[in-house]
Amino acid sequence: MIEILIGMISGVITGTGMGGGTILIALLTLFKSLDQHVAQATNLVFFVPTSIVAILMNIKNKNVDIKLALIISFFGIIGAIVGANIAMRANVDILKKCFGIFLAIIAIHEIYTILKGYIKGKKMKQ
């Protein structure tokens, strides 16, 4: 049952384009006690079909700059090869710490963006 909930939560977040994989890795390590390497690899398998669905929906709605997407994808593939090799050689504890730092940076950025928007909104009302 927990697997279904994890899949649904991650799928919804992936569909909105907000990085369901990040949530999936956290949920798999916390609730399924998976090793970080296994959680990350599982995320990659999860990512392919969910991303294809999200891509098709966004292409249908004309939300994709195809030329830009192809350029980014090409270099993203190169980065994925490099990143996968680094992750495979990395100590699990170091990998967990790097993932935690990554999540903290995202959280700080999101909080900053929300506060900046709030302050800007207040100034516009004055």
Protein backbone atom coordinates (compact mmCIF):
# COMPACT_ATOMS: atom_id res chain seq x y z
CA MET A 1 0.00 0.00 0.00
CA ILE A 2 2.83 2.43 0.82
CA GLU A 3 4.28 1.82 -2.66
CA ILE A 4 1.01 2.97 -4.25
CA LEU A 5 0.98 6.17 -2.18
CA ILE A 6 4.64 6.88 -2.94
CA GLY A 7 4.00 6.35 -6.66
CA MET A 8 0.91 8.56 -6.69
CA ILE A 9 2.53 11.42 -4.77
CA SER A 10 5.66 11.32 -6.95
CA GLY A 11 3.59 11.02 -10.14
CA VAL A 12 1.44 14.04 -9.34
CA ILE A 13 4.49 16.14 -8.52
CA THR A 14 6.26 14.92 -11.69
CA GLY A 15 3.20 15.80 -13.76
CA THR A 16 3.30 19.36 -12.49
CA GLY A 17 6.96 19.63 -13.49
CA MET A 18 8.26 20.21 -9.97
CA GLY A 19 10.64 17.28 -9.65
CA GLY A 20 8.75 14.24 -8.42
CA GLY A 21 12.02 12.31 -8.43
CA THR A 22 13.36 14.34 -5.56
CA ILE A 23 10.29 13.46 -3.52
CA LEU A 24 10.45 9.84 -4.67
CA ILE A 25 14.05 9.41 -3.50
CA ALA A 26 13.24 10.94 -0.12
CA LEU A 27 10.14 8.76 0.32
CA LEU A 28 11.94 5.57 -0.72
CA THR A 29 14.80 6.15 1.68
CA LEU A 30 12.54 7.21 4.55
CA PHE A 31 9.58 4.83 4.27
CA LYS A 32 11.03 1.85 2.40
CA SER A 33 14.53 2.07 3.94
CA LEU A 34 16.18 1.71 0.56
CA ASP A 35 19.86 2.39 0.12
CA GLN A 36 20.49 5.79 -1.53
CA HIS A 37 21.96 4.16 -4.66
CA VAL A 38 18.91 1.90 -5.03
CA ALA A 39 16.48 4.78 -4.45
CA GLN A 40 18.21 6.92 -7.07
CA ALA A 41 18.27 4.08 -9.60
CA THR A 42 14.60 3.33 -8.90
CA ASN A 43 13.85 7.00 -9.47
CA LEU A 44 15.48 6.82 -12.90
CA VAL A 45 13.25 3.89 -13.91
CA PHE A 46 10.20 5.75 -12.54
CA PHE A 47 11.24 8.91 -14.37
CA VAL A 48 11.08 7.53 -17.92
CA PRO A 49 7.36 6.65 -18.22
CA THR A 50 6.13 9.52 -16.06
CA SER A 51 8.23 12.01 -17.99
CA ILE A 52 7.02 10.68 -21.34
CA VAL A 53 3.42 11.27 -20.27
CA ALA A 54 4.23 14.77 -19.00
CA ILE A 55 6.17 15.58 -22.19
CA LEU A 56 3.32 14.45 -24.43
CA MET A 57 0.78 16.48 -22.46
CA ASN A 58 2.96 19.58 -22.63
CA ILE A 59 3.69 19.17 -26.36
CA LYS A 60 -0.05 18.77 -26.97
CA ASN A 61 -0.66 22.03 -25.09
CA LYS A 62 2.19 23.75 -27.02
CA ASN A 63 4.21 24.41 -23.88
CA VAL A 64 7.52 23.09 -25.22
CA ASP A 65 10.25 24.93 -27.13
CA ILE A 66 11.42 21.88 -29.11
CA LYS A 67 14.74 23.39 -30.28
CA LEU A 68 15.71 24.42 -26.74
CA ALA A 69 14.54 21.06 -25.36
CA LEU A 70 16.74 19.15 -27.83
CA ILE A 71 19.84 21.21 -26.99
CA ILE A 72 19.27 20.85 -23.24
CA SER A 73 18.51 17.13 -23.64
CA PHE A 74 21.73 16.48 -25.55
CA PHE A 75 23.89 18.05 -22.88
CA GLY A 76 21.68 16.58 -20.15
CA ILE A 77 22.47 13.10 -21.47
CA ILE A 78 26.19 13.84 -21.25
CA GLY A 79 25.70 15.18 -17.72
CA ALA A 80 23.66 12.10 -16.78
CA ILE A 81 26.46 9.79 -17.90
CA VAL A 82 29.01 11.75 -15.86
CA GLY A 83 26.66 12.00 -12.85
CA ALA A 84 25.79 8.29 -12.91
CA ASN A 85 29.48 7.37 -12.92
CA ILE A 86 30.14 9.71 -10.01
CA ALA A 87 27.15 8.35 -8.05
CA MET A 88 28.17 4.74 -8.62
CA ARG A 89 31.63 5.42 -7.20
CA ALA A 90 30.47 7.65 -4.33
CA ASN A 91 30.16 6.47 -0.76
CA VAL A 92 26.49 6.17 0.28
CA ASP A 93 26.94 8.51 3.24
CA ILE A 94 28.50 11.20 1.04
CA LEU A 95 25.72 10.70 -1.51
CA LYS A 96 23.08 11.17 1.19
CA LYS A 97 24.77 14.35 2.42
CA CYS A 98 24.98 15.76 -1.11
CA PHE A 99 21.30 14.97 -1.65
CA GLY A 100 20.43 16.66 1.65
CA ILE A 101 22.41 19.76 0.71
CA PHE A 102 20.67 19.81 -2.67
CA LEU A 103 17.25 19.67 -0.97
CA ALA A 104 18.25 22.42 1.46
CA ILE A 105 19.35 24.69 -1.40
CA ILE A 106 16.04 24.11 -3.19
CA ALA A 107 14.10 24.86 0.02
CA ILE A 108 16.05 28.07 0.64
CA HIS A 109 15.50 29.18 -2.95
CA GLU A 110 11.77 28.50 -2.75
CA ILE A 111 11.42 30.36 0.55
CA TYR A 112 13.39 33.29 -0.88
CA THR A 113 11.18 33.36 -4.00
CA ILE A 114 7.99 33.31 -1.93
CA LEU A 115 9.21 36.07 0.40
CA LYS A 116 10.41 38.17 -2.54
CA GLY A 117 6.99 37.84 -4.19
CA TYR A 118 5.22 38.68 -0.95
CA ILE A 119 7.34 41.81 -0.39
CA LYS A 120 6.92 42.89 -4.01
CA GLY A 121 3.14 42.42 -3.71
CA LYS A 122 3.04 44.52 -0.54
CA LYS A 123 4.99 47.35 -2.18
CA MET A 124 2.67 47.36 -5.21
CA LYS A 125 -0.40 47.77 -2.98
CA GLN A 126 1.04 50.89 -1.31
